[in-house]
Amino acid sequence: MTTPYHVKLSPTAQQQIKALAVKHQKIIIKLIEALAINPRPPGNQKIEGMNGLYSEKVNNHRLVYKIEDQEVLILLVK
């Protein structure tokens, strides 16, 4: 199955995900998979003053990402 959006992880985001406990990694991965289908789900926040940047919160973690054409670039996981 192909998704409408291609998701790429920045090197920083990859390192931050790897540093999480496995339980939290699975939650973040599910969120990333969902963003590949709909990068603008209900409840996500556009970051004011930052062109094309969005933020999605899950548990105690925040995902910062950019949407460009048919691509979602995961920049940060904090």
PDB file of N, CA and C in Angstrom:
ATOM      1  N   MET A   1       0.844  -1.189   0.000  1.00  0.00           N
ATOM      2  CA  MET A   1       0.000   0.000   0.000  1.00  0.00           C
ATOM      3  C   MET A   1       0.882   1.242   0.000  1.00  0.00           C
ATOM      4  N   THR A   2       0.628   2.160  -0.894  1.00  0.00           N
ATOM      5  CA  THR A   2       1.363   3.412  -0.904  1.00  0.00           C
ATOM      6  C   THR A   2       0.582   4.450  -0.128  1.00  0.00           C
ATOM      7  N   THR A   3       1.302   5.348   0.472  1.00  0.00           N
ATOM      8  CA  THR A   3       0.669   6.420   1.234  1.00  0.00           C
ATOM      9  C   THR A   3       0.753   7.709   0.436  1.00  0.00           C
ATOM     10  N   PRO A   4      -0.154   8.632   0.686  1.00  0.00           N
ATOM     11  CA  PRO A   4      -0.141   9.884  -0.063  1.00  0.00           C
ATOM     12  C   PRO A   4       1.124  10.718   0.157  1.00  0.00           C
ATOM     13  N   TYR A   5       1.764  10.578   1.323  1.00  0.00           N
ATOM     14  CA  TYR A   5       2.943  11.377   1.641  1.00  0.00           C
ATOM     15  C   TYR A   5       4.134  10.469   1.941  1.00  0.00           C
ATOM     16  N   HIS A   6       5.284  10.885   1.459  1.00  0.00           N
ATOM     17  CA  HIS A   6       6.535  10.199   1.761  1.00  0.00           C
ATOM     18  C   HIS A   6       7.103  10.844   3.026  1.00  0.00           C
ATOM     19  N   VAL A   7       7.472  10.050   4.022  1.00  0.00           N
ATOM     20  CA  VAL A   7       8.002  10.574   5.276  1.00  0.00           C
ATOM     21  C   VAL A   7       9.506  10.360   5.320  1.00  0.00           C
ATOM     22  N   LYS A   8      10.225  11.426   5.651  1.00  0.00           N
ATOM     23  CA  LYS A   8      11.673  11.354   5.841  1.00  0.00           C
ATOM     24  C   LYS A   8      11.981  11.824   7.252  1.00  0.00           C
ATOM     25  N   LEU A   9      12.974  11.206   7.869  1.00  0.00           N
ATOM     26  CA  LEU A   9      13.406  11.600   9.208  1.00  0.00           C
ATOM     27  C   LEU A   9      14.742  12.312   9.116  1.00  0.00           C
ATOM     28  N   SER A  10      14.850  13.453   9.792  1.00  0.00           N
ATOM     29  CA  SER A  10      16.148  14.124   9.859  1.00  0.00           C
ATOM     30  C   SER A  10      17.068  13.268  10.732  1.00  0.00           C
ATOM     31  N   PRO A  11      18.375  13.402  10.578  1.00  0.00           N
ATOM     32  CA  PRO A  11      19.299  12.645  11.431  1.00  0.00           C
ATOM     33  C   PRO A  11      19.052  12.912  12.921  1.00  0.00           C
ATOM     34  N   THR A  12      18.728  14.144  13.262  1.00  0.00           N
ATOM     35  CA  THR A  12      18.444  14.491  14.657  1.00  0.00           C
ATOM     36  C   THR A  12      17.226  13.737  15.160  1.00  0.00           C
ATOM     37  N   ALA A  13      16.156  13.717  14.368  1.00  0.00           N
ATOM     38  CA  ALA A  13      14.943  13.006  14.766  1.00  0.00           C
ATOM     39  C   ALA A  13      15.219  11.510  14.910  1.00  0.00           C
ATOM     40  N   GLN A  14      16.022  10.944  14.016  1.00  0.00           N
ATOM     41  CA  GLN A  14      16.367   9.519  14.116  1.00  0.00           C
ATOM     42  C   GLN A  14      17.061   9.228  15.438  1.00  0.00           C
ATOM     43  N   GLN A  15      18.025  10.068  15.803  1.00  0.00           N
ATOM     44  CA  GLN A  15      18.757   9.875  17.058  1.00  0.00           C
ATOM     45  C   GLN A  15      17.827  10.013  18.255  1.00  0.00           C
ATOM     46  N   GLN A  16      16.930  10.992  18.190  1.00  0.00           N
ATOM     47  CA  GLN A  16      16.025  11.220  19.312  1.00  0.00           C
ATOM     48  C   GLN A  16      15.054  10.059  19.482  1.00  0.00           C
ATOM     49  N   ILE A  17      14.584   9.488  18.393  1.00  0.00           N
ATOM     50  CA  ILE A  17      13.680   8.339  18.478  1.00  0.00           C
ATOM     51  C   ILE A  17      14.432   7.129  19.040  1.00  0.00           C
ATOM     52  N   LYS A  18      15.658   6.908  18.579  1.00  0.00           N
ATOM     53  CA  LYS A  18      16.450   5.778  19.076  1.00  0.00           C
ATOM     54  C   LYS A  18      16.738   5.898  20.568  1.00  0.00           C
ATOM     55  N   ALA A  19      16.808   7.120  21.086  1.00  0.00           N
ATOM     56  CA  ALA A  19      17.101   7.345  22.497  1.00  0.00           C
ATOM     57  C   ALA A  19      15.896   7.078  23.400  1.00  0.00           C
ATOM     58  N   LEU A  20      14.709   6.963  22.818  1.00  0.00           N
ATOM     59  CA  LEU A  20      13.493   6.721  23.597  1.00  0.00           C
ATOM     60  C   LEU A  20      13.390   5.255  24.003  1.00  0.00           C
ATOM     61  N   ALA A  21      12.625   5.012  25.048  1.00  0.00           N
ATOM     62  CA  ALA A  21      12.309   3.640  25.437  1.00  0.00           C
ATOM     63  C   ALA A  21      11.520   2.998  24.297  1.00  0.00           C
ATOM     64  N   VAL A  22      11.625   1.689  24.147  1.00  0.00           N
ATOM     65  CA  VAL A  22      10.978   0.969  23.046  1.00  0.00           C
ATOM     66  C   VAL A  22       9.472   1.254  23.025  1.00  0.00           C
ATOM     67  N   LYS A  23       8.850   1.294  24.173  1.00  0.00           N
ATOM     68  CA  LYS A  23       7.414   1.574  24.268  1.00  0.00           C
ATOM     69  C   LYS A  23       7.084   2.922  23.609  1.00  0.00           C
ATOM     70  N   HIS A  24       7.893   3.934  23.881  1.00  0.00           N
ATOM     71  CA  HIS A  24       7.665   5.269  23.322  1.00  0.00           C
ATOM     72  C   HIS A  24       8.027   5.309  21.837  1.00  0.00           C
ATOM     73  N   GLN A  25       9.045   4.544  21.433  1.00  0.00           N
ATOM     74  CA  GLN A  25       9.399   4.463  20.021  1.00  0.00           C
ATOM     75  C   GLN A  25       8.209   3.968  19.210  1.00  0.00           C
ATOM     76  N   LYS A  26       7.536   2.942  19.713  1.00  0.00           N
ATOM     77  CA  LYS A  26       6.390   2.376  18.997  1.00  0.00           C
ATOM     78  C   LYS A  26       5.270   3.401  18.848  1.00  0.00           C
ATOM     79  N   ILE A  27       5.040   4.194  19.883  1.00  0.00           N
ATOM     80  CA  ILE A  27       4.003   5.227  19.831  1.00  0.00           C
ATOM     81  C   ILE A  27       4.358   6.271  18.789  1.00  0.00           C
ATOM     82  N   ILE A  28       5.609   6.718  18.780  1.00  0.00           N
ATOM     83  CA  ILE A  28       6.066   7.730  17.815  1.00  0.00           C
ATOM     84  C   ILE A  28       5.988   7.177  16.399  1.00  0.00           C
ATOM     85  N   ILE A  29       6.376   5.926  16.202  1.00  0.00           N
ATOM     86  CA  ILE A  29       6.335   5.321  14.866  1.00  0.00           C
ATOM     87  C   ILE A  29       4.898   5.243  14.352  1.00  0.00           C
ATOM     88  N   LYS A  30       3.958   4.899  15.236  1.00  0.00           N
ATOM     89  CA  LYS A  30       2.546   4.882  14.826  1.00  0.00           C
ATOM     90  C   LYS A  30       2.087   6.269  14.397  1.00  0.00           C
ATOM     91  N   LEU A  31       2.514   7.295  15.135  1.00  0.00           N
ATOM     92  CA  LEU A  31       2.153   8.667  14.776  1.00  0.00           C
ATOM     93  C   LEU A  31       2.750   9.029  13.422  1.00  0.00           C
ATOM     94  N   ILE A  32       3.999   8.676  13.194  1.00  0.00           N
ATOM     95  CA  ILE A  32       4.652   8.967  11.918  1.00  0.00           C
ATOM     96  C   ILE A  32       3.922   8.261  10.775  1.00  0.00           C
ATOM     97  N   GLU A  33       3.529   7.016  10.993  1.00  0.00           N
ATOM     98  CA  GLU A  33       2.779   6.290   9.960  1.00  0.00           C
ATOM     99  C   GLU A  33       1.447   6.976   9.669  1.00  0.00           C
ATOM    100  N   ALA A  34       0.792   7.484  10.698  1.00  0.00           N
ATOM    101  CA  ALA A  34      -0.473   8.194  10.507  1.00  0.00           C
ATOM    102  C   ALA A  34      -0.261   9.502   9.746  1.00  0.00           C
ATOM    103  N   LEU A  35       0.860  10.180  10.002  1.00  0.00           N
ATOM    104  CA  LEU A  35       1.156  11.436   9.301  1.00  0.00           C
ATOM    105  C   LEU A  35       1.402  11.190   7.814  1.00  0.00           C
ATOM    106  N   ALA A  36       1.858  10.005   7.454  1.00  0.00           N
ATOM    107  CA  ALA A  36       2.063   9.672   6.045  1.00  0.00           C
ATOM    108  C   ALA A  36       0.741   9.633   5.294  1.00  0.00           C
ATOM    109  N   ILE A  37      -0.330   9.343   6.016  1.00  0.00           N
ATOM    110  CA  ILE A  37      -1.658   9.300   5.412  1.00  0.00           C
ATOM    111  C   ILE A  37      -2.331  10.661   5.476  1.00  0.00           C
ATOM    112  N   ASN A  38      -2.227  11.319   6.630  1.00  0.00           N
ATOM    113  CA  ASN A  38      -2.835  12.639   6.817  1.00  0.00           C
ATOM    114  C   ASN A  38      -1.918  13.492   7.685  1.00  0.00           C
ATOM    115  N   PRO A  39      -1.080  14.348   7.084  1.00  0.00           N
ATOM    116  CA  PRO A  39      -0.144  15.145   7.871  1.00  0.00           C
ATOM    117  C   PRO A  39      -0.790  16.321   8.603  1.00  0.00           C
ATOM    118  N   ARG A  40      -2.074  16.530   8.381  1.00  0.00           N
ATOM    119  CA  ARG A  40      -2.779  17.616   9.073  1.00  0.00           C
ATOM    120  C   ARG A  40      -3.995  17.062   9.827  1.00  0.00           C
ATOM    121  N   PRO A  41      -3.754  16.148  10.793  1.00  0.00           N
ATOM    122  CA  PRO A  41      -4.878  15.550  11.516  1.00  0.00           C
ATOM    123  C   PRO A  41      -5.509  16.573  12.472  1.00  0.00           C
ATOM    124  N   PRO A  42      -6.742  16.300  12.905  1.00  0.00           N
ATOM    125  CA  PRO A  42      -7.350  17.184  13.899  1.00  0.00           C
ATOM    126  C   PRO A  42      -6.472  17.250  15.139  1.00  0.00           C
ATOM    127  N   GLY A  43      -6.292  18.438  15.654  1.00  0.00           N
ATOM    128  CA  GLY A  43      -5.500  18.615  16.870  1.00  0.00           C
ATOM    129  C   GLY A  43      -4.051  18.986  16.637  1.00  0.00           C
ATOM    130  N   ASN A  44      -3.560  18.861  15.388  1.00  0.00           N
ATOM    131  CA  ASN A  44      -2.176  19.266  15.170  1.00  0.00           C
ATOM    132  C   ASN A  44      -2.113  20.789  15.177  1.00  0.00           C
ATOM    133  N   GLN A  45      -0.944  21.316  15.408  1.00  0.00           N
ATOM    134  CA  GLN A  45      -0.796  22.758  15.507  1.00  0.00           C
ATOM    135  C   GLN A  45       0.215  23.260  14.489  1.00  0.00           C
ATOM    136  N   LYS A  46      -0.172  24.285  13.767  1.00  0.00           N
ATOM    137  CA  LYS A  46       0.781  24.955  12.890  1.00  0.00           C
ATOM    138  C   LYS A  46       1.598  25.881  13.777  1.00  0.00           C
ATOM    139  N   ILE A  47       2.897  25.853  13.630  1.00  0.00           N
ATOM    140  CA  ILE A  47       3.762  26.683  14.459  1.00  0.00           C
ATOM    141  C   ILE A  47       3.765  28.090  13.878  1.00  0.00           C
ATOM    142  N   GLU A  48       3.272  29.023  14.655  1.00  0.00           N
ATOM    143  CA  GLU A  48       3.159  30.415  14.205  1.00  0.00           C
ATOM    144  C   GLU A  48       4.535  30.995  13.885  1.00  0.00           C
ATOM    145  N   GLY A  49       4.611  31.723  12.800  1.00  0.00           N
ATOM    146  CA  GLY A  49       5.839  32.386  12.400  1.00  0.00           C
ATOM    147  C   GLY A  49       6.844  31.478  11.713  1.00  0.00           C
ATOM    148  N   MET A  50       6.512  30.213  11.565  1.00  0.00           N
ATOM    149  CA  MET A  50       7.413  29.266  10.914  1.00  0.00           C
ATOM    150  C   MET A  50       6.687  28.696   9.709  1.00  0.00           C
ATOM    151  N   ASN A  51       7.149  28.979   8.538  1.00  0.00           N
ATOM    152  CA  ASN A  51       6.483  28.595   7.306  1.00  0.00           C
ATOM    153  C   ASN A  51       6.454  27.077   7.129  1.00  0.00           C
ATOM    154  N   GLY A  52       5.260  26.503   7.168  1.00  0.00           N
ATOM    155  CA  GLY A  52       5.093  25.081   6.883  1.00  0.00           C
ATOM    156  C   GLY A  52       5.458  24.139   8.001  1.00  0.00           C
ATOM    157  N   LEU A  53       5.739  24.638   9.216  1.00  0.00           N
ATOM    158  CA  LEU A  53       6.087  23.757  10.328  1.00  0.00           C
ATOM    159  C   LEU A  53       4.858  23.448  11.164  1.00  0.00           C
ATOM    160  N   TYR A  54       4.744  22.195  11.561  1.00  0.00           N
ATOM    161  CA  TYR A  54       3.619  21.733  12.363  1.00  0.00           C
ATOM    162  C   TYR A  54       4.143  20.992  13.583  1.00  0.00           C
ATOM    163  N   SER A  55       3.297  20.893  14.583  1.00  0.00           N
ATOM    164  CA  SER A  55       3.654  20.220  15.815  1.00  0.00           C
ATOM    165  C   SER A  55       2.527  19.268  16.195  1.00  0.00           C
ATOM    166  N   GLU A  56       2.901  18.085  16.614  1.00  0.00           N
ATOM    167  CA  GLU A  56       1.928  17.082  17.044  1.00  0.00           C
ATOM    168  C   GLU A  56       2.410  16.524  18.381  1.00  0.00           C
ATOM    169  N   LYS A  57       1.538  16.532  19.368  1.00  0.00           N
ATOM    170  CA  LYS A  57       1.911  16.045  20.696  1.00  0.00           C
ATOM    171  C   LYS A  57       1.298  14.673  20.936  1.00  0.00           C
ATOM    172  N   VAL A  58       2.109  13.769  21.464  1.00  0.00           N
ATOM    173  CA  VAL A  58       1.646  12.440  21.849  1.00  0.00           C
ATOM    174  C   VAL A  58       2.317  12.121  23.185  1.00  0.00           C
ATOM    175  N   ASN A  59       1.491  11.864  24.184  1.00  0.00           N
ATOM    176  CA  ASN A  59       1.992  11.654  25.550  1.00  0.00           C
ATOM    177  C   ASN A  59       2.881  12.827  25.946  1.00  0.00           C
ATOM    178  N   ASN A  60       4.102  12.559  26.371  1.00  0.00           N
ATOM    179  CA  ASN A  60       5.009  13.636  26.790  1.00  0.00           C
ATOM    180  C   ASN A  60       5.980  14.031  25.691  1.00  0.00           C
ATOM    181  N   HIS A  61       5.704  13.633  24.471  1.00  0.00           N
ATOM    182  CA  HIS A  61       6.624  13.898  23.365  1.00  0.00           C
ATOM    183  C   HIS A  61       5.961  14.813  22.347  1.00  0.00           C
ATOM    184  N   ARG A  62       6.784  15.602  21.696  1.00  0.00           N
ATOM    185  CA  ARG A  62       6.303  16.488  20.647  1.00  0.00           C
ATOM    186  C   ARG A  62       7.097  16.211  19.381  1.00  0.00           C
ATOM    187  N   LEU A  63       6.366  16.096  18.300  1.00  0.00           N
ATOM    188  CA  LEU A  63       6.959  15.870  16.984  1.00  0.00           C
ATOM    189  C   LEU A  63       6.852  17.179  16.216  1.00  0.00           C
ATOM    190  N   VAL A  64       7.943  17.663  15.690  1.00  0.00           N
ATOM    191  CA  VAL A  64       7.936  18.866  14.860  1.00  0.00           C
ATOM    192  C   VAL A  64       8.264  18.420  13.442  1.00  0.00           C
ATOM    193  N   TYR A  65       7.415  18.834  12.502  1.00  0.00           N
ATOM    194  CA  TYR A  65       7.604  18.378  11.131  1.00  0.00           C
ATOM    195  C   TYR A  65       7.209  19.457  10.130  1.00  0.00           C
ATOM    196  N   LYS A  66       7.696  19.266   8.919  1.00  0.00           N
ATOM    197  CA  LYS A  66       7.434  20.202   7.827  1.00  0.00           C
ATOM    198  C   LYS A  66       6.774  19.439   6.688  1.00  0.00           C
ATOM    199  N   ILE A  67       5.763  20.055   6.102  1.00  0.00           N
ATOM    200  CA  ILE A  67       5.067  19.445   4.970  1.00  0.00           C
ATOM    201  C   ILE A  67       5.473  20.203   3.716  1.00  0.00           C
ATOM    202  N   GLU A  68       6.002  19.461   2.742  1.00  0.00           N
ATOM    203  CA  GLU A  68       6.391  20.046   1.460  1.00  0.00           C
ATOM    204  C   GLU A  68       5.864  19.142   0.351  1.00  0.00           C
ATOM    205  N   ASP A  69       5.033  19.679  -0.509  1.00  0.00           N
ATOM    206  CA  ASP A  69       4.451  18.908  -1.601  1.00  0.00           C
ATOM    207  C   ASP A  69       3.889  17.598  -1.060  1.00  0.00           C
ATOM    208  N   GLN A  70       4.414  16.473  -1.490  1.00  0.00           N
ATOM    209  CA  GLN A  70       3.924  15.164  -1.040  1.00  0.00           C
ATOM    210  C   GLN A  70       4.913  14.522  -0.059  1.00  0.00           C
ATOM    211  N   GLU A  71       5.622  15.353   0.689  1.00  0.00           N
ATOM    212  CA  GLU A  71       6.638  14.859   1.602  1.00  0.00           C
ATOM    213  C   GLU A  71       6.443  15.453   2.991  1.00  0.00           C
ATOM    214  N   VAL A  72       6.645  14.631   4.005  1.00  0.00           N
ATOM    215  CA  VAL A  72       6.623  15.078   5.403  1.00  0.00           C
ATOM    216  C   VAL A  72       8.022  14.841   5.942  1.00  0.00           C
ATOM    217  N   LEU A  73       8.676  15.878   6.420  1.00  0.00           N
ATOM    218  CA  LEU A  73      10.016  15.782   6.980  1.00  0.00           C
ATOM    219  C   LEU A  73       9.913  15.931   8.482  1.00  0.00           C
ATOM    220  N   ILE A  74      10.229  14.866   9.217  1.00  0.00           N
ATOM    221  CA  ILE A  74      10.213  14.890  10.667  1.00  0.00           C
ATOM    222  C   ILE A  74      11.525  15.523  11.114  1.00  0.00           C
ATOM    223  N   LEU A  75      11.441  16.652  11.780  1.00  0.00           N
ATOM    224  CA  LEU A  75      12.625  17.389  12.153  1.00  0.00           C
ATOM    225  C   LEU A  75      13.102  17.090  13.567  1.00  0.00           C
ATOM    226  N   LEU A  76      12.163  16.916  14.482  1.00  0.00           N
ATOM    227  CA  LEU A  76      12.518  16.898  15.892  1.00  0.00           C
ATOM    228  C   LEU A  76      11.537  16.075  16.687  1.00  0.00           C
ATOM    229  N   VAL A  77      12.045  15.357  17.672  1.00  0.00           N
ATOM    230  CA  VAL A  77      11.190  14.646  18.619  1.00  0.00           C
ATOM    231  C   VAL A  77      11.710  15.020  20.001  1.00  0.00           C
ATOM    232  N   LYS A  78      10.924  15.709  20.765  1.00  0.00           N
ATOM    233  CA  LYS A  78      11.345  16.145  22.113  1.00  0.00           C
ATOM    234  C   LYS A  78      10.367  15.673  23.134  1.00  0.00           C
TER     235      LYS A  78
END
